[in-house]
C-alpha atoms as a PDB file:
ATOM      1  CA  MET A   1     -14.263  23.777 -18.949  1.00  0.00           C
ATOM      2  CA  THR A   2     -16.469  22.839 -15.850  1.00  0.00           C
ATOM      3  CA  GLU A   3     -17.590  19.359 -15.163  1.00  0.00           C
ATOM      4  CA  ILE A   4     -21.088  18.865 -14.506  1.00  0.00           C
ATOM      5  CA  LEU A   5     -23.713  16.156 -14.476  1.00  0.00           C
ATOM      6  CA  MET A   6     -25.509  15.370 -17.913  1.00  0.00           C
ATOM      7  CA  PRO A   7     -23.987  18.203 -19.659  1.00  0.00           C
ATOM      8  CA  LYS A   8     -26.031  17.734 -22.877  1.00  0.00           C
ATOM      9  CA  ALA A   9     -29.511  17.424 -20.880  1.00  0.00           C
ATOM     10  CA  THR A  10     -28.422  20.618 -19.057  1.00  0.00           C
ATOM     11  CA  ALA A  11     -27.544  22.370 -22.268  1.00  0.00           C
ATOM     12  CA  VAL A  12     -30.932  21.397 -23.615  1.00  0.00           C
ATOM     13  CA  TRP A  13     -32.562  22.958 -20.540  1.00  0.00           C
ATOM     14  CA  LEU A  14     -30.651  26.113 -20.808  1.00  0.00           C
ATOM     15  CA  VAL A  15     -31.304  26.497 -24.534  1.00  0.00           C
ATOM     16  CA  ASP A  16     -35.030  26.021 -23.984  1.00  0.00           C
ATOM     17  CA  ASN A  17     -35.295  28.238 -20.622  1.00  0.00           C
ATOM     18  CA  THR A  18     -32.768  30.923 -20.778  1.00  0.00           C
ATOM     19  CA  SER A  19     -31.548  33.774 -23.272  1.00  0.00           C
ATOM     20  CA  LEU A  20     -27.888  32.692 -22.710  1.00  0.00           C
ATOM     21  CA  THR A  21     -25.436  32.683 -25.806  1.00  0.00           C
ATOM     22  CA  PHE A  22     -24.161  29.501 -27.252  1.00  0.00           C
ATOM     23  CA  ASP A  23     -20.808  30.441 -25.992  1.00  0.00           C
ATOM     24  CA  GLN A  24     -21.887  30.686 -22.409  1.00  0.00           C
ATOM     25  CA  ILE A  25     -23.812  27.500 -22.491  1.00  0.00           C
ATOM     26  CA  ALA A  26     -20.854  25.569 -24.084  1.00  0.00           C
ATOM     27  CA  ASP A  27     -18.468  26.957 -21.648  1.00  0.00           C
ATOM     28  CA  PHE A  28     -20.705  25.904 -18.636  1.00  0.00           C
ATOM     29  CA  CYS A  29     -21.677  22.543 -19.899  1.00  0.00           C
ATOM     30  CA  GLY A  30     -18.016  21.666 -21.397  1.00  0.00           C
ATOM     31  CA  LEU A  31     -19.381  21.344 -24.952  1.00  0.00           C
ATOM     32  CA  HIS A  32     -18.476  23.007 -28.211  1.00  0.00           C
ATOM     33  CA  PRO A  33     -20.485  26.089 -29.123  1.00  0.00           C
ATOM     34  CA  LEU A  34     -21.393  24.156 -32.398  1.00  0.00           C
ATOM     35  CA  GLU A  35     -22.916  21.417 -30.370  1.00  0.00           C
ATOM     36  CA  VAL A  36     -24.923  23.891 -28.479  1.00  0.00           C
ATOM     37  CA  LYS A  37     -26.215  25.452 -31.722  1.00  0.00           C
ATOM     38  CA  GLY A  38     -26.993  21.930 -32.972  1.00  0.00           C
ATOM     39  CA  ILE A  39     -29.090  21.355 -29.804  1.00  0.00           C
ATOM     40  CA  ALA A  40     -30.984  24.615 -30.627  1.00  0.00           C
ATOM     41  CA  ASP A  41     -31.357  23.814 -34.197  1.00  0.00           C
ATOM     42  CA  GLY A  42     -32.776  20.341 -33.357  1.00  0.00           C
ATOM     43  CA  ASP A  43     -29.776  18.436 -34.832  1.00  0.00           C
ATOM     44  CA  VAL A  44     -28.077  17.418 -31.712  1.00  0.00           C
ATOM     45  CA  ALA A  45     -29.293  15.668 -28.597  1.00  0.00           C
ATOM     46  CA  VAL A  46     -32.695  14.780 -30.197  1.00  0.00           C
ATOM     47  CA  GLY A  47     -34.842  13.253 -27.679  1.00  0.00           C
ATOM     48  CA  VAL A  48     -32.880  14.242 -24.728  1.00  0.00           C
ATOM     49  CA  ARG A  49     -35.098  15.581 -21.898  1.00  0.00           C
ATOM     50  CA  GLY A  50     -33.635  18.600 -20.382  1.00  0.00           C
ATOM     51  CA  ALA A  51     -32.209  18.600 -16.793  1.00  0.00           C
ATOM     52  CA  ASP A  52     -32.648  21.605 -14.667  1.00  0.00           C
ATOM     53  CA  PRO A  53     -29.400  22.739 -13.185  1.00  0.00           C
ATOM     54  CA  ILE A  54     -30.930  24.929 -10.531  1.00  0.00           C
ATOM     55  CA  SER A  55     -33.093  22.048  -9.057  1.00  0.00           C
ATOM     56  CA  ASN A  56     -30.076  19.544  -8.900  1.00  0.00           C
ATOM     57  CA  GLY A  57     -28.112  22.292  -7.174  1.00  0.00           C
ATOM     58  CA  GLN A  58     -25.538  22.828  -9.984  1.00  0.00           C
ATOM     59  CA  LEU A  59     -26.572  26.388 -10.691  1.00  0.00           C
ATOM     60  CA  THR A  60     -28.169  29.479  -9.194  1.00  0.00           C
ATOM     61  CA  ARG A  61     -30.888  31.626 -10.619  1.00  0.00           C
ATOM     62  CA  GLU A  62     -28.597  34.547  -9.889  1.00  0.00           C
ATOM     63  CA  GLU A  63     -25.949  33.096 -11.866  1.00  0.00           C
ATOM     64  CA  ILE A  64     -28.118  32.748 -14.970  1.00  0.00           C
ATOM     65  CA  GLU A  65     -29.392  36.439 -14.483  1.00  0.00           C
ATOM     66  CA  LYS A  66     -25.920  37.636 -14.413  1.00  0.00           C
ATOM     67  CA  ALA A  67     -24.985  35.742 -17.608  1.00  0.00           C
ATOM     68  CA  GLU A  68     -28.124  36.999 -19.442  1.00  0.00           C
ATOM     69  CA  ASN A  69     -27.102  40.494 -18.572  1.00  0.00           C
ATOM     70  CA  SER A  70     -23.692  40.204 -19.967  1.00  0.00           C
ATOM     71  CA  ASP A  71     -22.469  38.019 -22.773  1.00  0.00           C
ATOM     72  CA  LYS A  72     -19.050  37.875 -21.486  1.00  0.00           C
ATOM     73  CA  TYR A  73     -19.912  36.602 -18.074  1.00  0.00           C
ATOM     74  CA  ARG A  74     -19.151  32.895 -17.548  1.00  0.00           C
ATOM     75  CA  MET A  75     -21.234  31.071 -14.960  1.00  0.00           C
ATOM     76  CA  THR A  76     -19.588  28.865 -12.321  1.00  0.00           C
ATOM     77  CA  VAL A  77     -20.936  25.616 -10.788  1.00  0.00           C
ATOM     78  CA  VAL A  78     -22.286  25.696  -7.205  1.00  0.00           C
ATOM     79  CA  LYS A  79     -19.903  24.114  -4.939  1.00  0.00           C
ATOM     80  CA  PRO A  80     -21.704  21.219  -3.149  1.00  0.00           C
ATOM     81  CA  LYS A  81     -22.151  21.656   0.546  1.00  0.00           C
ATOM     82  CA  TYR A  82     -20.168  19.445   2.757  1.00  0.00           C
ATOM     83  CA  SER A  83     -18.371  18.342  -0.447  1.00  0.00           C
ATOM     84  CA  GLU A  84     -15.435  17.304   1.665  1.00  0.00           C
ATOM     85  CA  LEU A  85     -17.412  14.491   3.246  1.00  0.00           C
ATOM     86  CA  HIS A  86     -17.824  12.912  -0.085  1.00  0.00           C
ATOM     87  CA  GLN A  87     -14.156  12.965  -0.924  1.00  0.00           C
ATOM     88  CA  PRO A  88     -12.535   9.563  -0.890  1.00  0.00           C
ATOM     89  CA  ALA A  89      -9.951   9.087   1.857  1.00  0.00           C
ATOM     90  CA  LYS A  90      -6.459   8.946   0.606  1.00  0.00           C
ATOM     91  CA  ARG A  91      -5.015   5.415   1.089  1.00  0.00           C
ATOM     92  CA  ARG A  92      -1.554   5.086   2.247  1.00  0.00           C
ATOM     93  CA  GLY A  93       0.534   2.221   1.648  1.00  0.00           C
ATOM     94  CA  PRO A  94      -0.380  -0.702  -0.706  1.00  0.00           C
ATOM     95  CA  ARG A  95      -3.759  -2.145  -0.920  1.00  0.00           C
ATOM     96  CA  TYR A  96      -3.570  -4.333  -3.818  1.00  0.00           C
ATOM     97  CA  THR A  97      -0.538  -6.577  -4.500  1.00  0.00           C
ATOM     98  CA  PRO A  98      -0.017  -8.037  -7.942  1.00  0.00           C
ATOM     99  CA  LEU A  99      -0.490 -11.822  -8.045  1.00  0.00           C
ATOM    100  CA  SER A 100       3.218 -12.320  -9.093  1.00  0.00           C
ATOM    101  CA  ARG A 101       4.336 -10.725  -5.851  1.00  0.00           C
ATOM    102  CA  ARG A 102       1.962 -12.250  -3.475  1.00  0.00           C
ATOM    103  CA  GLN A 103       4.081 -15.424  -2.947  1.00  0.00           C
ATOM    104  CA  ASN A 104       6.910 -13.214  -1.739  1.00  0.00           C
ATOM    105  CA  ARG A 105       4.854 -11.913   1.243  1.00  0.00           C
ATOM    106  CA  PRO A 106       6.217 -14.593   3.702  1.00  0.00           C
ATOM    107  CA  ASP A 107       9.780 -13.630   2.566  1.00  0.00           C
ATOM    108  CA  ALA A 108       9.005 -10.013   3.456  1.00  0.00           C
ATOM    109  CA  ILE A 109       7.233 -10.948   6.837  1.00  0.00           C
ATOM    110  CA  ALA A 110      10.402 -13.106   7.858  1.00  0.00           C
ATOM    111  CA  TRP A 111      12.672  -9.920   6.886  1.00  0.00           C
ATOM    112  CA  LEU A 112      10.523  -7.561   9.091  1.00  0.00           C
ATOM    113  CA  VAL A 113      10.289  -9.883  11.964  1.00  0.00           C
ATOM    114  CA  ARG A 114      14.051 -10.453  11.968  1.00  0.00           C
ATOM    115  CA  ASN A 115      15.055  -6.860  11.422  1.00  0.00           C
ATOM    116  CA  HIS A 116      12.381  -4.982  12.993  1.00  0.00           C
ATOM    117  CA  PRO A 117      10.979  -6.906  15.894  1.00  0.00           C
ATOM    118  CA  GLU A 118       9.478  -3.565  17.255  1.00  0.00           C
ATOM    119  CA  LEU A 119       6.790  -3.939  14.480  1.00  0.00           C
ATOM    120  CA  ALA A 120       3.391  -4.749  15.524  1.00  0.00           C
ATOM    121  CA  ASP A 121       1.635  -7.249  13.508  1.00  0.00           C
ATOM    122  CA  ALA A 122      -1.013  -4.657  12.412  1.00  0.00           C
ATOM    123  CA  GLN A 123       1.931  -2.505  10.905  1.00  0.00           C
ATOM    124  CA  ILE A 124       3.337  -5.523   9.173  1.00  0.00           C
ATOM    125  CA  SER A 125      -0.152  -6.158   7.697  1.00  0.00           C
ATOM    126  CA  LYS A 126      -0.628  -2.673   6.691  1.00  0.00           C
ATOM    127  CA  LEU A 127       2.863  -2.426   5.054  1.00  0.00           C
ATOM    128  CA  ILE A 128       2.595  -5.451   2.727  1.00  0.00           C
ATOM    129  CA  GLY A 129      -1.083  -6.191   2.530  1.00  0.00           C
ATOM    130  CA  THR A 130      -1.240  -9.607   4.457  1.00  0.00           C
ATOM    131  CA  THR A 131      -3.034 -11.113   7.302  1.00  0.00           C
ATOM    132  CA  LYS A 132      -2.143 -11.509  10.897  1.00  0.00           C
ATOM    133  CA  THR A 133      -2.568 -15.306  10.490  1.00  0.00           C
ATOM    134  CA  THR A 134       0.237 -15.513   8.020  1.00  0.00           C
ATOM    135  CA  ILE A 135       2.204 -13.327   9.937  1.00  0.00           C
ATOM    136  CA  GLN A 136       1.917 -15.500  13.005  1.00  0.00           C
ATOM    137  CA  ALA A 137       2.586 -18.529  11.143  1.00  0.00           C
ATOM    138  CA  VAL A 138       5.953 -17.090   9.866  1.00  0.00           C
ATOM    139  CA  ARG A 139       6.767 -15.865  13.460  1.00  0.00           C
ATOM    140  CA  GLU A 140       6.076 -19.486  14.861  1.00  0.00           C
ATOM    141  CA  ARG A 141       7.748 -21.180  11.785  1.00  0.00           C
ATOM    142  CA  SER A 142       4.530 -23.233  11.376  1.00  0.00           C
ATOM    143  CA  HIS A 143       4.160 -21.643   7.781  1.00  0.00           C
ATOM    144  CA  TRP A 144       3.184 -24.383   5.292  1.00  0.00           C
ATOM    145  CA  ASN A 145       6.260 -23.248   3.287  1.00  0.00           C
ATOM    146  CA  SER A 146       8.686 -22.349   6.153  1.00  0.00           C
ATOM    147  CA  SER A 147      11.531 -24.343   4.602  1.00  0.00           C
ATOM    148  CA  ASN A 148      11.603 -22.317   1.657  1.00  0.00           C
ATOM    149  CA  ILE A 149      11.177 -18.963   3.226  1.00  0.00           C
ATOM    150  CA  LYS A 150      14.117 -16.599   2.695  1.00  0.00           C
ATOM    151  CA  PRO A 151      13.982 -13.196   4.590  1.00  0.00           C
ATOM    152  CA  THR A 152      14.058 -10.411   1.912  1.00  0.00           C
ATOM    153  CA  ASP A 153      13.564  -6.616   2.249  1.00  0.00           C
ATOM    154  CA  PRO A 154      10.005  -6.021   1.340  1.00  0.00           C
ATOM    155  CA  VAL A 155      11.090  -2.681  -0.413  1.00  0.00           C
ATOM    156  CA  SER A 156      13.137  -4.803  -2.833  1.00  0.00           C
ATOM    157  CA  LEU A 157      10.419  -6.980  -3.521  1.00  0.00           C
ATOM    158  CA  GLY A 158       8.045  -4.084  -4.326  1.00  0.00           C
ATOM    159  CA  LEU A 159       5.541  -4.855  -1.615  1.00  0.00           C
ATOM    160  CA  CYS A 160       5.863  -1.254  -0.049  1.00  0.00           C
ATOM    161  CA  THR A 161       8.061   1.975  -0.410  1.00  0.00           C
ATOM    162  CA  GLN A 162      10.987   2.807   1.629  1.00  0.00           C
ATOM    163  CA  ILE A 163       9.039   6.058   3.133  1.00  0.00           C
ATOM    164  CA  ASP A 164       6.218   3.784   4.296  1.00  0.00           C
ATOM    165  CA  LEU A 165       8.632   1.160   6.068  1.00  0.00           C
ATOM    166  CA  ASP A 166      10.501   4.132   7.611  1.00  0.00           C
ATOM    167  CA  GLU A 167       7.414   5.746   8.749  1.00  0.00           C
ATOM    168  CA  GLN A 168       6.197   2.493  10.501  1.00  0.00           C
ATOM    169  CA  VAL A 169       9.513   1.796  11.989  1.00  0.00           C
ATOM    170  CA  LYS A 170       9.581   5.189  13.303  1.00  0.00           C
ATOM    171  CA  LYS A 171       6.311   4.894  15.017  1.00  0.00           C
ATOM    172  CA  ALA A 172       7.169   1.523  16.546  1.00  0.00           C
ATOM    173  CA  SER A 173      10.342   2.624  17.866  1.00  0.00           C
ATOM    174  CA  ALA A 174       8.801   5.597  19.746  1.00  0.00           C
ATOM    175  CA  ARG A 175       6.087   3.330  21.062  1.00  0.00           C
ATOM    176  CA  ARG A 176       8.765   0.740  22.187  1.00  0.00           C
ATOM    177  CA  ARG A 177      11.017   3.430  23.785  1.00  0.00           C
ATOM    178  CA  LYS A 178       7.993   4.767  25.782  1.00  0.00           C
ATOM    179  CA  LEU A 179       7.009   1.346  27.048  1.00  0.00           C
ATOM    180  CA  GLU A 180      10.705   0.424  27.991  1.00  0.00           C
ATOM    181  CA  GLU A 181      10.815   3.860  30.033  1.00  0.00           C
ATOM    182  CA  GLU A 182       7.707   2.813  31.658  1.00  0.00           C
ATOM    183  CA  ASN A 183       8.984  -0.814  32.204  1.00  0.00           C
ATOM    184  CA  PRO A 184      12.864  -1.495  32.080  1.00  0.00           C
ATOM    185  CA  GLU A 185      12.279  -5.165  31.939  1.00  0.00           C
ATOM    186  CA  LEU A 186      10.777  -5.011  28.609  1.00  0.00           C
ATOM    187  CA  LEU A 187      14.143  -4.302  27.120  1.00  0.00           C
ATOM    188  CA  THR A 188      15.717  -7.323  28.431  1.00  0.00           C
ATOM    189  CA  ASP A 189      12.548  -9.534  27.099  1.00  0.00           C
ATOM    190  CA  THR A 190      13.075  -7.926  23.872  1.00  0.00           C
ATOM    191  CA  LEU A 191      16.670  -8.765  23.462  1.00  0.00           C
ATOM    192  CA  LYS A 192      16.074 -12.267  24.517  1.00  0.00           C
ATOM    193  CA  ALA A 193      13.198 -12.653  22.048  1.00  0.00           C
ATOM    194  CA  GLN A 194      15.550 -11.543  19.355  1.00  0.00           C
ATOM    195  CA  GLU A 195      18.316 -13.924  20.382  1.00  0.00           C
ATOM    196  CA  ASP A 196      15.788 -16.834  20.585  1.00  0.00           C
ATOM    197  CA  LEU A 197      14.571 -15.959  17.056  1.00  0.00           C
ATOM    198  CA  HIS A 198      18.029 -16.020  15.476  1.00  0.00           C
ATOM    199  CA  GLN A 199      18.813 -19.348  17.168  1.00  0.00           C
ATOM    200  CA  SER A 200      15.599 -20.855  15.830  1.00  0.00           C
ATOM    201  CA  GLU A 201      16.647 -19.702  12.246  1.00  0.00           C
ATOM    202  CA  GLU A 202      20.007 -21.194  12.398  1.00  0.00           C
ATOM    203  CA  LYS A 203      18.548 -24.507  13.887  1.00  0.00           C
ATOM    204  CA  PRO A 204      17.275 -26.138  10.712  1.00  0.00           C
ATOM    205  CA  ALA A 205      20.584 -25.492   8.877  1.00  0.00           C
ATOM    206  CA  GLU A 206      22.376 -27.567  11.713  1.00  0.00           C
ATOM    207  CA  GLU A 207      19.737 -30.434  11.555  1.00  0.00           C
ATOM    208  CA  ALA A 208      20.171 -30.550   7.741  1.00  0.00           C
ATOM    209  CA  GLU A 209      24.081 -30.938   8.202  1.00  0.00           C
ATOM    210  CA  ILE A 210      23.524 -33.840  10.489  1.00  0.00           C
ATOM    211  CA  ASP A 211      21.020 -35.429   8.008  1.00  0.00           C
ATOM    212  CA  LEU A 212      23.423 -35.117   5.146  1.00  0.00           C
ATOM    213  CA  GLU A 213      26.201 -36.734   7.101  1.00  0.00           C
ATOM    214  CA  THR A 214      23.898 -39.672   8.082  1.00  0.00           C
ATOM    215  CA  LEU A 215      22.654 -40.042   4.564  1.00  0.00           C
ATOM    216  CA  PHE A 216      26.255 -40.304   3.036  1.00  0.00           C
ATOM    217  CA  GLY A 217      27.412 -42.806   5.408  1.00  0.00           C
ATOM    218  CA  GLY A 218      27.939 -40.977   8.753  1.00  0.00           C
ATOM    219  CA  PRO A 219      31.260 -39.357  10.027  1.00  0.00           C
ATOM    220  CA  LYS A 220      34.496 -40.603   8.520  1.00  0.00           C
ATOM    221  CA  ALA A 221      36.318 -43.501  10.283  1.00  0.00           C
ATOM    222  CA  GLU A 222      39.551 -42.740  11.718  1.00  0.00           C
END
């Protein structure tokens, strides 16, 4: 069955303007032969204006003539020129995140920043569907909910697939490797940045321990 625009209107035009059989019209328009017979009898598609499939580019006069000369011939829809240009681009990676999962984005960002520092903000944004502003806030620990952020694998959170994550990590690693070959000092800077990040993550826990001791009366007396 062929998909065409305005199948019944097209069938009306073919019934009125050609000598095609009901089966041929039904096959081309994706209708049942009885529907086409009903159109010819005036019982179906009453008041529907016929749509010329030749003028709208769905059928050629040559195809109609071939079908009129042979009852067994089945017409085919004309393939639109440059149809590829109208095909929607395939989307890769998540573009919509369910509301129930959006609150997990900061946790995913923290995990990516800690475990894959080679990823650029644009890659993280593409992976989990977040903004660069949010990523920067998590990086700088200035996010409004920083105290409750727990680094969590975005794959386990359902924010991206393992395939997409691996692909982005592979691209980022290749890019960083190339930069390090051109600039060896970059490797030292990267390692230092990772060390600073881990120290900043541990610092709140130490401060919290001191606060608890102060809260419960300070250190024990000897």
